[in-house]
Amino acid sequence: MVASKHGFSKTDINAVYRAIKTRRDIRHFIPGDIEPELLLRLIQAAHFAPSVGYMQPWHFVRITDPSLRKNIHQHVEQERLNTAEALDERKDTFMKLKIEGIMDCSELLVVSLTSQREQYILGRRTIPEMDLASVACAIQNMWLAARAEGIGLGWVSFFEPQVLAKLIQAPEGALPIAILCIGQVQGFADKPLLEESGWDTRRPLSDILSENTW
């Protein structure tokens, strides 16, 4: 029985929770195109996200130039090496992990915070970072929609924002926050890669939930 008269059917409710539970950060892709209509559906799902003050602070750049994709990949690879050096004793473990699928995915998007965000004050006067939270909601919308469609999506954050901004010729004040790899997959793993590889484990609810005080 649905908990509220405004709720979806039990089948639809289960589908929503299934997408949430089985969503994965995908780094391995197989050959296969993404239909233009499907890509637009995913971007539309992102655009339906909530945003503080209704500022909609997201901009998507679709990368179709092979040389630009290669340049982005080269920059990400350098940052991967920089990250490895910063990890000290976990360097070797990290270097065995595949952290992106930039050259393998069908579609590549760069997601940025738009410029002139300072004009939006509603909901951001004391927490200006809510613009970033809003874009994260948009990406999560796309992630869940992609999972429901059976499409893989990976969020790459191994880059210097200003370097990537220059590569995509972003306007002054815009800030790239994500490279999204989208494509066909062989399947979806039972657990997130970093959990499956032993890098970390999911914390129990008792660790992240309290009442009234921390």
N, C-alpha and C. Protein backbone atom coordinates (compact mmCIF):
# COMPACT_ATOMS: atom_id res chain seq x y z
N MET A 1 0.85 -1.19 0.00
CA MET A 1 0.00 0.00 0.00
C MET A 1 0.88 1.24 0.00
N VAL A 2 0.53 2.23 -0.83
CA VAL A 2 1.29 3.47 -0.92
C VAL A 2 1.11 4.28 0.35
N ALA A 3 2.19 4.86 0.88
CA ALA A 3 2.15 5.57 2.16
C ALA A 3 1.36 6.87 2.10
N SER A 4 1.21 7.44 0.94
CA SER A 4 0.48 8.69 0.78
C SER A 4 -0.35 8.62 -0.50
N LYS A 5 -1.47 9.32 -0.50
CA LYS A 5 -2.31 9.33 -1.70
C LYS A 5 -1.60 10.00 -2.87
N HIS A 6 -0.55 10.73 -2.57
CA HIS A 6 0.22 11.40 -3.62
C HIS A 6 1.38 10.54 -4.13
N GLY A 7 1.56 9.39 -3.54
CA GLY A 7 2.67 8.53 -3.92
C GLY A 7 2.46 7.85 -5.26
N PHE A 8 3.57 7.36 -5.82
CA PHE A 8 3.50 6.59 -7.06
C PHE A 8 2.96 5.20 -6.76
N SER A 9 2.75 4.45 -7.82
CA SER A 9 2.38 3.05 -7.65
C SER A 9 3.55 2.31 -7.01
N LYS A 10 3.28 1.15 -6.41
CA LYS A 10 4.33 0.37 -5.77
C LYS A 10 5.43 0.01 -6.77
N THR A 11 5.04 -0.29 -7.99
CA THR A 11 6.03 -0.63 -9.02
C THR A 11 6.95 0.55 -9.31
N ASP A 12 6.36 1.73 -9.43
CA ASP A 12 7.18 2.92 -9.71
C ASP A 12 8.06 3.28 -8.52
N ILE A 13 7.52 3.14 -7.32
CA ILE A 13 8.32 3.41 -6.12
C ILE A 13 9.53 2.49 -6.08
N ASN A 14 9.31 1.22 -6.32
CA ASN A 14 10.41 0.26 -6.32
C ASN A 14 11.46 0.60 -7.38
N ALA A 15 10.99 1.10 -8.53
CA ALA A 15 11.92 1.47 -9.61
C ALA A 15 12.82 2.63 -9.19
N VAL A 16 12.23 3.60 -8.49
CA VAL A 16 13.02 4.75 -8.02
C VAL A 16 14.10 4.28 -7.05
N TYR A 17 13.72 3.49 -6.07
CA TYR A 17 14.69 3.01 -5.09
C TYR A 17 15.72 2.07 -5.73
N ARG A 18 15.31 1.33 -6.73
CA ARG A 18 16.24 0.45 -7.43
C ARG A 18 17.31 1.27 -8.15
N ALA A 19 16.88 2.36 -8.81
CA ALA A 19 17.85 3.21 -9.50
C ALA A 19 18.84 3.82 -8.52
N ILE A 20 18.33 4.24 -7.35
CA ILE A 20 19.21 4.83 -6.33
C ILE A 20 20.22 3.81 -5.83
N LYS A 21 19.74 2.59 -5.54
CA LYS A 21 20.60 1.57 -4.94
C LYS A 21 21.61 1.00 -5.92
N THR A 22 21.25 0.93 -7.20
CA THR A 22 22.14 0.27 -8.17
C THR A 22 22.90 1.25 -9.05
N ARG A 23 22.77 2.55 -8.80
CA ARG A 23 23.55 3.54 -9.55
C ARG A 23 25.03 3.32 -9.26
N ARG A 24 25.85 3.40 -10.27
CA ARG A 24 27.29 3.21 -10.11
C ARG A 24 28.07 4.30 -10.84
N ASP A 25 29.26 4.60 -10.32
CA ASP A 25 30.19 5.52 -10.99
C ASP A 25 30.97 4.68 -11.99
N ILE A 26 30.60 4.79 -13.26
CA ILE A 26 31.11 3.89 -14.29
C ILE A 26 32.43 4.39 -14.88
N ARG A 27 33.38 3.49 -14.99
CA ARG A 27 34.68 3.81 -15.62
C ARG A 27 34.96 2.90 -16.81
N HIS A 28 34.21 1.80 -16.94
CA HIS A 28 34.41 0.85 -18.04
C HIS A 28 33.22 0.90 -18.99
N PHE A 29 33.51 1.13 -20.26
CA PHE A 29 32.46 1.24 -21.27
C PHE A 29 32.72 0.26 -22.40
N ILE A 30 31.67 -0.08 -23.12
CA ILE A 30 31.78 -0.93 -24.31
C ILE A 30 31.37 -0.11 -25.52
N PRO A 31 31.76 -0.52 -26.74
CA PRO A 31 31.38 0.23 -27.94
C PRO A 31 29.86 0.31 -28.09
N GLY A 32 29.40 1.43 -28.60
CA GLY A 32 27.96 1.61 -28.81
C GLY A 32 27.60 3.07 -28.66
N ASP A 33 26.78 3.55 -29.56
CA ASP A 33 26.40 4.96 -29.54
C ASP A 33 25.28 5.22 -28.54
N ILE A 34 25.16 6.47 -28.17
CA ILE A 34 24.02 6.97 -27.39
C ILE A 34 23.15 7.77 -28.34
N GLU A 35 21.91 7.36 -28.50
CA GLU A 35 21.02 8.07 -29.41
C GLU A 35 20.85 9.52 -28.96
N PRO A 36 20.81 10.47 -29.91
CA PRO A 36 20.67 11.88 -29.56
C PRO A 36 19.46 12.15 -28.66
N GLU A 37 18.35 11.45 -28.93
CA GLU A 37 17.15 11.65 -28.13
C GLU A 37 17.38 11.22 -26.68
N LEU A 38 18.15 10.15 -26.50
CA LEU A 38 18.45 9.67 -25.15
C LEU A 38 19.34 10.66 -24.42
N LEU A 39 20.36 11.16 -25.09
CA LEU A 39 21.24 12.14 -24.47
C LEU A 39 20.46 13.37 -24.04
N LEU A 40 19.55 13.82 -24.89
CA LEU A 40 18.73 14.98 -24.53
C LEU A 40 17.83 14.68 -23.34
N ARG A 41 17.31 13.45 -23.25
CA ARG A 41 16.48 13.08 -22.10
C ARG A 41 17.30 13.17 -20.80
N LEU A 42 18.54 12.71 -20.87
CA LEU A 42 19.38 12.74 -19.69
C LEU A 42 19.71 14.17 -19.26
N ILE A 43 19.99 15.02 -20.25
CA ILE A 43 20.29 16.42 -19.93
C ILE A 43 19.03 17.12 -19.42
N GLN A 44 17.88 16.78 -19.99
CA GLN A 44 16.62 17.34 -19.52
C GLN A 44 16.35 16.93 -18.07
N ALA A 45 16.67 15.67 -17.74
CA ALA A 45 16.51 15.21 -16.37
C ALA A 45 17.37 16.06 -15.43
N ALA A 46 18.59 16.36 -15.86
CA ALA A 46 19.46 17.22 -15.06
C ALA A 46 18.85 18.61 -14.90
N HIS A 47 18.28 19.11 -15.97
CA HIS A 47 17.74 20.48 -15.97
C HIS A 47 16.48 20.61 -15.10
N PHE A 48 15.85 19.47 -14.77
CA PHE A 48 14.69 19.47 -13.89
C PHE A 48 15.09 19.47 -12.41
N ALA A 49 16.37 19.51 -12.13
CA ALA A 49 16.84 19.44 -10.75
C ALA A 49 16.43 20.68 -9.96
N PRO A 50 16.31 20.53 -8.64
CA PRO A 50 16.06 21.71 -7.80
C PRO A 50 17.32 22.57 -7.76
N SER A 51 17.13 23.87 -7.57
CA SER A 51 18.28 24.76 -7.41
C SER A 51 17.91 25.88 -6.44
N VAL A 52 18.86 26.25 -5.62
CA VAL A 52 18.63 27.28 -4.61
C VAL A 52 18.33 28.61 -5.29
N GLY A 53 17.22 29.23 -4.87
CA GLY A 53 16.82 30.50 -5.47
C GLY A 53 16.43 30.36 -6.92
N TYR A 54 16.20 29.12 -7.36
CA TYR A 54 15.87 28.81 -8.76
C TYR A 54 16.91 29.40 -9.71
N MET A 55 18.17 29.35 -9.30
CA MET A 55 19.21 29.98 -10.08
C MET A 55 19.68 29.12 -11.26
N GLN A 56 19.44 27.81 -11.20
CA GLN A 56 19.81 26.92 -12.29
C GLN A 56 21.26 27.18 -12.76
N PRO A 57 22.22 26.97 -11.86
CA PRO A 57 23.60 27.40 -12.13
C PRO A 57 24.44 26.39 -12.91
N TRP A 58 23.81 25.65 -13.82
CA TRP A 58 24.55 24.60 -14.53
C TRP A 58 24.67 24.90 -16.02
N HIS A 59 25.77 24.48 -16.58
CA HIS A 59 25.97 24.58 -18.03
C HIS A 59 26.69 23.32 -18.49
N PHE A 60 26.19 22.73 -19.59
CA PHE A 60 26.75 21.49 -20.12
C PHE A 60 27.43 21.76 -21.46
N VAL A 61 28.65 21.31 -21.59
CA VAL A 61 29.37 21.40 -22.86
C VAL A 61 29.59 19.98 -23.37
N ARG A 62 29.02 19.67 -24.52
CA ARG A 62 29.20 18.36 -25.13
C ARG A 62 30.50 18.38 -25.93
N ILE A 63 31.38 17.44 -25.65
CA ILE A 63 32.68 17.38 -26.31
C ILE A 63 32.60 16.43 -27.50
N THR A 64 32.65 16.98 -28.71
CA THR A 64 32.60 16.17 -29.93
C THR A 64 33.88 16.26 -30.74
N ASP A 65 34.77 17.17 -30.38
CA ASP A 65 36.04 17.34 -31.08
C ASP A 65 37.04 16.32 -30.53
N PRO A 66 37.49 15.36 -31.35
CA PRO A 66 38.42 14.32 -30.86
C PRO A 66 39.70 14.88 -30.25
N SER A 67 40.22 15.96 -30.82
CA SER A 67 41.46 16.52 -30.28
C SER A 67 41.22 17.15 -28.91
N LEU A 68 40.06 17.76 -28.73
CA LEU A 68 39.72 18.35 -27.43
C LEU A 68 39.54 17.23 -26.40
N ARG A 69 38.88 16.17 -26.78
CA ARG A 69 38.71 15.03 -25.87
C ARG A 69 40.09 14.50 -25.45
N LYS A 70 41.00 14.39 -26.40
CA LYS A 70 42.35 13.89 -26.09
C LYS A 70 43.07 14.84 -25.14
N ASN A 71 42.94 16.14 -25.35
CA ASN A 71 43.58 17.11 -24.47
C ASN A 71 43.02 17.04 -23.05
N ILE A 72 41.71 16.85 -22.96
CA ILE A 72 41.09 16.71 -21.64
C ILE A 72 41.61 15.46 -20.95
N HIS A 73 41.71 14.38 -21.72
CA HIS A 73 42.21 13.12 -21.15
C HIS A 73 43.65 13.26 -20.66
N GLN A 74 44.48 13.94 -21.44
CA GLN A 74 45.87 14.12 -21.05
C GLN A 74 45.97 14.92 -19.75
N HIS A 75 45.12 15.93 -19.61
CA HIS A 75 45.14 16.73 -18.38
C HIS A 75 44.69 15.89 -17.19
N VAL A 76 43.64 15.09 -17.39
CA VAL A 76 43.14 14.23 -16.31
C VAL A 76 44.20 13.21 -15.91
N GLU A 77 44.90 12.67 -16.88
CA GLU A 77 45.94 11.69 -16.59
C GLU A 77 47.05 12.31 -15.75
N GLN A 78 47.42 13.56 -16.05
CA GLN A 78 48.45 14.23 -15.26
C GLN A 78 47.97 14.44 -13.83
N GLU A 79 46.70 14.81 -13.68
CA GLU A 79 46.16 15.01 -12.34
C GLU A 79 46.06 13.68 -11.58
N ARG A 80 45.81 12.59 -12.31
CA ARG A 80 45.80 11.27 -11.68
C ARG A 80 47.18 10.97 -11.07
N LEU A 81 48.22 11.29 -11.81
CA LEU A 81 49.58 11.07 -11.32
C LEU A 81 49.88 11.97 -10.12
N ASN A 82 49.41 13.22 -10.18
CA ASN A 82 49.60 14.15 -9.06
C ASN A 82 48.89 13.64 -7.81
N THR A 83 47.68 13.12 -8.01
CA THR A 83 46.92 12.58 -6.89
C THR A 83 47.62 11.38 -6.28
N ALA A 84 48.17 10.53 -7.13
CA ALA A 84 48.89 9.35 -6.64
C ALA A 84 50.04 9.74 -5.72
N GLU A 85 50.78 10.78 -6.12
CA GLU A 85 51.89 11.24 -5.31
C GLU A 85 51.42 11.76 -3.96
N ALA A 86 50.23 12.37 -3.94
CA ALA A 86 49.70 12.94 -2.70
C ALA A 86 49.18 11.87 -1.75
N LEU A 87 48.95 10.66 -2.25
CA LEU A 87 48.37 9.60 -1.43
C LEU A 87 49.42 8.81 -0.64
N ASP A 88 50.68 9.09 -0.87
CA ASP A 88 51.76 8.46 -0.13
C ASP A 88 51.67 6.94 -0.13
N GLU A 89 51.37 6.34 1.04
CA GLU A 89 51.42 4.88 1.16
C GLU A 89 50.32 4.16 0.38
N ARG A 90 49.28 4.90 -0.05
CA ARG A 90 48.20 4.26 -0.82
C ARG A 90 48.39 4.49 -2.32
N LYS A 91 49.54 5.02 -2.70
CA LYS A 91 49.81 5.33 -4.10
C LYS A 91 49.68 4.11 -4.99
N ASP A 92 50.33 3.03 -4.64
CA ASP A 92 50.33 1.84 -5.50
C ASP A 92 48.92 1.27 -5.66
N THR A 93 48.16 1.26 -4.57
CA THR A 93 46.78 0.77 -4.64
C THR A 93 45.94 1.64 -5.56
N PHE A 94 46.11 2.96 -5.43
CA PHE A 94 45.36 3.89 -6.26
C PHE A 94 45.70 3.72 -7.73
N MET A 95 46.97 3.54 -8.05
CA MET A 95 47.38 3.45 -9.45
C MET A 95 46.82 2.21 -10.15
N LYS A 96 46.35 1.23 -9.39
CA LYS A 96 45.75 0.04 -9.98
C LYS A 96 44.28 0.27 -10.32
N LEU A 97 43.71 1.36 -9.83
CA LEU A 97 42.29 1.65 -10.06
C LEU A 97 42.11 2.40 -11.37
N LYS A 98 41.06 2.07 -12.10
CA LYS A 98 40.70 2.84 -13.29
C LYS A 98 39.77 3.96 -12.82
N ILE A 99 40.17 5.20 -13.08
CA ILE A 99 39.42 6.32 -12.51
C ILE A 99 38.58 7.07 -13.54
N GLU A 100 38.67 6.70 -14.81
CA GLU A 100 37.88 7.40 -15.83
C GLU A 100 37.80 6.58 -17.10
N GLY A 101 36.83 6.96 -17.95
CA GLY A 101 36.66 6.30 -19.24
C GLY A 101 36.54 7.31 -20.37
N ILE A 102 37.32 8.37 -20.27
CA ILE A 102 37.20 9.51 -21.20
C ILE A 102 37.37 9.10 -22.66
N MET A 103 38.33 8.24 -22.94
CA MET A 103 38.59 7.87 -24.32
C MET A 103 37.72 6.71 -24.79
N ASP A 104 36.98 6.10 -23.87
CA ASP A 104 36.18 4.92 -24.22
C ASP A 104 34.68 5.20 -24.31
N CYS A 105 34.21 6.22 -23.63
CA CYS A 105 32.77 6.47 -23.56
C CYS A 105 32.25 7.04 -24.88
N SER A 106 30.95 6.90 -25.07
CA SER A 106 30.31 7.39 -26.29
C SER A 106 30.15 8.90 -26.27
N GLU A 107 29.74 9.44 -25.12
CA GLU A 107 29.51 10.87 -24.99
C GLU A 107 30.31 11.42 -23.82
N LEU A 108 30.85 12.61 -24.01
CA LEU A 108 31.63 13.28 -22.97
C LEU A 108 31.05 14.67 -22.74
N LEU A 109 30.72 14.98 -21.50
CA LEU A 109 30.17 16.28 -21.14
C LEU A 109 31.04 16.93 -20.07
N VAL A 110 31.20 18.23 -20.15
CA VAL A 110 31.81 19.00 -19.08
C VAL A 110 30.71 19.84 -18.45
N VAL A 111 30.55 19.69 -17.14
CA VAL A 111 29.51 20.42 -16.42
C VAL A 111 30.17 21.52 -15.59
N SER A 112 29.64 22.73 -15.73
CA SER A 112 30.24 23.87 -15.04
C SER A 112 29.21 24.68 -14.28
N LEU A 113 29.69 25.36 -13.24
CA LEU A 113 28.92 26.42 -12.62
C LEU A 113 28.95 27.61 -13.57
N THR A 114 27.81 28.24 -13.77
CA THR A 114 27.76 29.38 -14.67
C THR A 114 28.43 30.61 -14.05
N SER A 115 28.72 31.59 -14.86
CA SER A 115 29.30 32.84 -14.37
C SER A 115 28.20 33.73 -13.79
N GLN A 116 28.59 34.81 -13.15
CA GLN A 116 27.68 35.81 -12.58
C GLN A 116 26.73 35.20 -11.54
N ARG A 117 27.22 34.23 -10.80
CA ARG A 117 26.38 33.60 -9.77
C ARG A 117 26.15 34.50 -8.58
N GLU A 118 27.00 35.52 -8.41
CA GLU A 118 26.88 36.40 -7.26
C GLU A 118 25.57 37.19 -7.24
N GLN A 119 24.92 37.31 -8.38
CA GLN A 119 23.66 38.06 -8.41
C GLN A 119 22.52 37.28 -7.75
N TYR A 120 22.70 36.01 -7.51
CA TYR A 120 21.67 35.19 -6.86
C TYR A 120 21.96 35.13 -5.36
N ILE A 121 21.10 35.74 -4.58
CA ILE A 121 21.29 35.84 -3.14
C ILE A 121 20.36 34.93 -2.37
N LEU A 122 19.15 34.72 -2.89
CA LEU A 122 18.14 33.92 -2.21
C LEU A 122 18.67 32.52 -1.89
N GLY A 123 18.74 32.21 -0.59
CA GLY A 123 19.22 30.90 -0.17
C GLY A 123 20.73 30.75 -0.15
N ARG A 124 21.47 31.80 -0.56
CA ARG A 124 22.92 31.70 -0.65
C ARG A 124 23.64 32.77 0.16
N ARG A 125 22.89 33.61 0.87
CA ARG A 125 23.52 34.72 1.56
C ARG A 125 24.54 34.24 2.59
N THR A 126 24.21 33.17 3.31
CA THR A 126 25.13 32.65 4.32
C THR A 126 25.85 31.39 3.86
N ILE A 127 25.32 30.72 2.83
CA ILE A 127 25.96 29.51 2.32
C ILE A 127 26.07 29.63 0.79
N PRO A 128 27.04 30.40 0.31
CA PRO A 128 27.17 30.61 -1.13
C PRO A 128 27.45 29.32 -1.91
N GLU A 129 27.96 28.30 -1.21
CA GLU A 129 28.27 27.03 -1.87
C GLU A 129 27.02 26.28 -2.32
N MET A 130 25.83 26.80 -2.02
CA MET A 130 24.61 26.14 -2.45
C MET A 130 24.48 26.11 -3.97
N ASP A 131 25.23 26.95 -4.67
CA ASP A 131 25.23 26.84 -6.13
C ASP A 131 25.86 25.52 -6.55
N LEU A 132 26.93 25.12 -5.88
CA LEU A 132 27.58 23.85 -6.16
C LEU A 132 26.66 22.68 -5.80
N ALA A 133 25.96 22.81 -4.68
CA ALA A 133 25.02 21.77 -4.27
C ALA A 133 23.92 21.61 -5.32
N SER A 134 23.49 22.70 -5.91
CA SER A 134 22.45 22.65 -6.93
C SER A 134 22.91 21.90 -8.16
N VAL A 135 24.14 22.14 -8.61
CA VAL A 135 24.67 21.44 -9.78
C VAL A 135 24.84 19.96 -9.46
N ALA A 136 25.24 19.65 -8.22
CA ALA A 136 25.36 18.25 -7.82
C ALA A 136 24.00 17.55 -7.91
N CYS A 137 22.93 18.26 -7.55
CA CYS A 137 21.59 17.68 -7.69
C CYS A 137 21.27 17.41 -9.16
N ALA A 138 21.68 18.30 -10.03
CA ALA A 138 21.42 18.11 -11.47
C ALA A 138 22.16 16.88 -11.98
N ILE A 139 23.41 16.72 -11.56
CA ILE A 139 24.18 15.56 -12.00
C ILE A 139 23.58 14.28 -11.44
N GLN A 140 23.12 14.31 -10.19
CA GLN A 140 22.49 13.12 -9.62
C GLN A 140 21.22 12.75 -10.37
N ASN A 141 20.44 13.75 -10.76
CA ASN A 141 19.25 13.49 -11.58
C ASN A 141 19.64 12.73 -12.85
N MET A 142 20.68 13.22 -13.51
CA MET A 142 21.14 12.59 -14.75
C MET A 142 21.63 11.18 -14.48
N TRP A 143 22.33 10.99 -13.38
CA TRP A 143 22.88 9.70 -13.01
C TRP A 143 21.77 8.66 -12.83
N LEU A 144 20.73 9.05 -12.11
CA LEU A 144 19.63 8.13 -11.86
C LEU A 144 18.85 7.84 -13.13
N ALA A 145 18.65 8.86 -13.95
CA ALA A 145 17.96 8.66 -15.23
C ALA A 145 18.77 7.73 -16.12
N ALA A 146 20.09 7.92 -16.15
CA ALA A 146 20.96 7.06 -16.95
C ALA A 146 20.87 5.61 -16.47
N ARG A 147 20.87 5.42 -15.15
CA ARG A 147 20.77 4.05 -14.62
C ARG A 147 19.45 3.41 -15.02
N ALA A 148 18.37 4.18 -14.95
CA ALA A 148 17.06 3.66 -15.34
C ALA A 148 17.04 3.28 -16.82
N GLU A 149 17.80 4.00 -17.63
CA GLU A 149 17.88 3.73 -19.07
C GLU A 149 18.88 2.62 -19.40
N GLY A 150 19.60 2.15 -18.37
CA GLY A 150 20.62 1.12 -18.60
C GLY A 150 21.90 1.66 -19.18
N ILE A 151 22.14 2.96 -18.99
CA ILE A 151 23.32 3.63 -19.54
C ILE A 151 24.29 3.95 -18.41
N GLY A 152 25.59 3.78 -18.67
CA GLY A 152 26.60 4.08 -17.67
C GLY A 152 26.98 5.54 -17.66
N LEU A 153 27.25 6.07 -16.45
CA LEU A 153 27.71 7.45 -16.31
C LEU A 153 28.78 7.48 -15.23
N GLY A 154 29.88 8.14 -15.53
CA GLY A 154 30.96 8.30 -14.56
C GLY A 154 31.31 9.75 -14.37
N TRP A 155 31.48 10.15 -13.11
CA TRP A 155 31.83 11.55 -12.78
C TRP A 155 33.33 11.60 -12.54
N VAL A 156 34.05 12.34 -13.36
CA VAL A 156 35.50 12.51 -13.23
C VAL A 156 35.78 13.87 -12.61
N SER A 157 36.57 13.88 -11.54
CA SER A 157 36.91 15.15 -10.88
C SER A 157 38.41 15.35 -10.77
N PHE A 158 39.17 14.58 -11.53
CA PHE A 158 40.63 14.70 -11.51
C PHE A 158 41.06 15.75 -12.55
N PHE A 159 40.93 17.01 -12.18
CA PHE A 159 41.36 18.09 -13.09
C PHE A 159 41.47 19.39 -12.31
N GLU A 160 42.23 20.30 -12.89
CA GLU A 160 42.31 21.67 -12.36
C GLU A 160 41.21 22.49 -13.05
N PRO A 161 40.24 23.02 -12.30
CA PRO A 161 39.12 23.72 -12.91
C PRO A 161 39.52 24.83 -13.90
N GLN A 162 40.54 25.60 -13.56
CA GLN A 162 40.93 26.70 -14.45
C GLN A 162 41.53 26.19 -15.76
N VAL A 163 42.25 25.07 -15.68
CA VAL A 163 42.81 24.48 -16.90
C VAL A 163 41.68 23.99 -17.80
N LEU A 164 40.72 23.29 -17.22
CA LEU A 164 39.60 22.78 -18.00
C LEU A 164 38.75 23.92 -18.55
N ALA A 165 38.59 24.98 -17.75
CA ALA A 165 37.82 26.14 -18.21
C ALA A 165 38.45 26.74 -19.46
N LYS A 166 39.76 26.77 -19.49
CA LYS A 166 40.47 27.31 -20.67
C LYS A 166 40.28 26.40 -21.86
N LEU A 167 40.32 25.09 -21.63
CA LEU A 167 40.17 24.14 -22.73
C LEU A 167 38.80 24.25 -23.40
N ILE A 168 37.75 24.49 -22.61
CA ILE A 168 36.40 24.59 -23.19
C ILE A 168 36.00 26.03 -23.46
N GLN A 169 36.95 26.96 -23.25
CA GLN A 169 36.71 28.39 -23.51
C GLN A 169 35.50 28.90 -22.73
N ALA A 170 35.47 28.56 -21.45
CA ALA A 170 34.38 29.01 -20.59
C ALA A 170 34.52 30.50 -20.30
N PRO A 171 33.42 31.21 -20.10
CA PRO A 171 33.49 32.64 -19.78
C PRO A 171 34.10 32.86 -18.41
N GLU A 172 34.61 34.04 -18.18
CA GLU A 172 35.22 34.37 -16.89
C GLU A 172 34.17 34.21 -15.78
N GLY A 173 34.57 33.56 -14.71
CA GLY A 173 33.65 33.34 -13.60
C GLY A 173 32.98 31.98 -13.61
N ALA A 174 32.95 31.33 -14.77
CA ALA A 174 32.40 29.97 -14.85
C ALA A 174 33.43 28.99 -14.27
N LEU A 175 32.94 27.90 -13.68
CA LEU A 175 33.85 26.98 -13.02
C LEU A 175 33.46 25.53 -13.30
N PRO A 176 34.26 24.81 -14.10
CA PRO A 176 33.97 23.39 -14.34
C PRO A 176 34.06 22.61 -13.04
N ILE A 177 33.11 21.70 -12.81
CA ILE A 177 33.14 20.87 -11.60
C ILE A 177 33.07 19.39 -11.92
N ALA A 178 32.77 19.03 -13.17
CA ALA A 178 32.63 17.61 -13.48
C ALA A 178 32.89 17.34 -14.95
N ILE A 179 33.55 16.23 -15.21
CA ILE A 179 33.61 15.65 -16.54
C ILE A 179 32.75 14.39 -16.46
N LEU A 180 31.73 14.29 -17.30
CA LEU A 180 30.83 13.15 -17.27
C LEU A 180 31.08 12.26 -18.47
N CYS A 181 31.40 11.00 -18.20
CA CYS A 181 31.55 10.00 -19.24
C CYS A 181 30.26 9.20 -19.33
N ILE A 182 29.68 9.12 -20.52
CA ILE A 182 28.39 8.46 -20.70
C ILE A 182 28.51 7.44 -21.82
N GLY A 183 27.99 6.23 -21.59
CA GLY A 183 28.08 5.25 -22.65
C GLY A 183 27.44 3.92 -22.29
N GLN A 184 27.52 3.00 -23.25
CA GLN A 184 27.00 1.66 -23.06
C GLN A 184 27.93 0.87 -22.13
N VAL A 185 27.34 -0.06 -21.38
CA VAL A 185 28.14 -0.84 -20.42
C VAL A 185 27.84 -2.34 -20.56
N GLN A 186 28.76 -3.13 -20.10
CA GLN A 186 28.55 -4.58 -20.07
C GLN A 186 27.56 -4.94 -18.97
N GLY A 187 27.58 -4.16 -17.89
CA GLY A 187 26.68 -4.40 -16.77
C GLY A 187 27.01 -3.45 -15.64
N PHE A 188 26.28 -3.58 -14.53
CA PHE A 188 26.47 -2.74 -13.36
C PHE A 188 26.89 -3.61 -12.19
N ALA A 189 27.99 -3.27 -11.56
CA ALA A 189 28.53 -4.07 -10.46
C ALA A 189 27.58 -4.06 -9.26
N ASP A 190 27.68 -5.11 -8.45
CA ASP A 190 26.84 -5.20 -7.26
C ASP A 190 27.19 -4.13 -6.23
N LYS A 191 28.48 -3.74 -6.20
CA LYS A 191 28.95 -2.74 -5.24
C LYS A 191 29.73 -1.65 -5.97
N PRO A 192 29.82 -0.45 -5.37
CA PRO A 192 30.67 0.60 -5.95
C PRO A 192 32.12 0.11 -6.07
N LEU A 193 32.82 0.60 -7.07
CA LEU A 193 34.19 0.14 -7.33
C LEU A 193 35.10 0.28 -6.12
N LEU A 194 35.03 1.44 -5.44
CA LEU A 194 35.95 1.67 -4.32
C LEU A 194 35.61 0.77 -3.12
N GLU A 195 34.38 0.32 -3.04
CA GLU A 195 34.03 -0.65 -2.01
C GLU A 195 34.45 -2.05 -2.44
N GLU A 196 34.22 -2.36 -3.70
CA GLU A 196 34.58 -3.66 -4.24
C GLU A 196 36.09 -3.90 -4.20
N SER A 197 36.85 -2.83 -4.40
CA SER A 197 38.31 -2.96 -4.42
C SER A 197 38.93 -2.89 -3.02
N GLY A 198 38.10 -2.65 -2.00
CA GLY A 198 38.61 -2.58 -0.64
C GLY A 198 39.16 -1.23 -0.24
N TRP A 199 38.93 -0.21 -1.07
CA TRP A 199 39.44 1.14 -0.74
C TRP A 199 38.75 1.69 0.50
N ASP A 200 37.43 1.45 0.60
CA ASP A 200 36.66 1.92 1.76
C ASP A 200 35.37 1.11 1.82
N THR A 201 34.59 1.32 2.89
CA THR A 201 33.32 0.62 3.05
C THR A 201 32.20 1.62 3.30
N ARG A 202 30.96 1.21 3.04
CA ARG A 202 29.82 2.08 3.31
C ARG A 202 29.56 2.12 4.81
N ARG A 203 29.43 3.31 5.35
CA ARG A 203 29.20 3.46 6.78
C ARG A 203 27.78 3.03 7.15
N PRO A 204 27.59 2.46 8.33
CA PRO A 204 26.24 2.10 8.75
C PRO A 204 25.42 3.35 9.05
N LEU A 205 24.09 3.23 8.93
CA LEU A 205 23.21 4.36 9.19
C LEU A 205 23.41 4.93 10.59
N SER A 206 23.75 4.08 11.54
CA SER A 206 23.92 4.55 12.93
C SER A 206 25.06 5.55 13.06
N ASP A 207 25.99 5.52 12.09
CA ASP A 207 27.11 6.47 12.12
C ASP A 207 26.75 7.83 11.54
N ILE A 208 25.70 7.88 10.72
CA ILE A 208 25.41 9.13 10.03
C ILE A 208 24.05 9.73 10.40
N LEU A 209 23.39 9.14 11.39
CA LEU A 209 22.07 9.62 11.80
C LEU A 209 22.02 9.80 13.30
N SER A 210 21.61 11.00 13.75
CA SER A 210 21.43 11.26 15.17
C SER A 210 20.18 12.11 15.35
N GLU A 211 19.80 12.35 16.59
CA GLU A 211 18.58 13.10 16.86
C GLU A 211 18.85 14.26 17.80
N ASN A 212 18.44 15.43 17.39
CA ASN A 212 18.55 16.67 18.18
C ASN A 212 19.97 17.18 18.31
N THR A 213 20.90 16.36 18.72
CA THR A 213 22.29 16.78 18.82
C THR A 213 23.18 15.77 18.12
N TRP A 214 24.37 16.18 17.79
CA TRP A 214 25.31 15.33 17.08
C TRP A 214 25.74 14.16 17.99
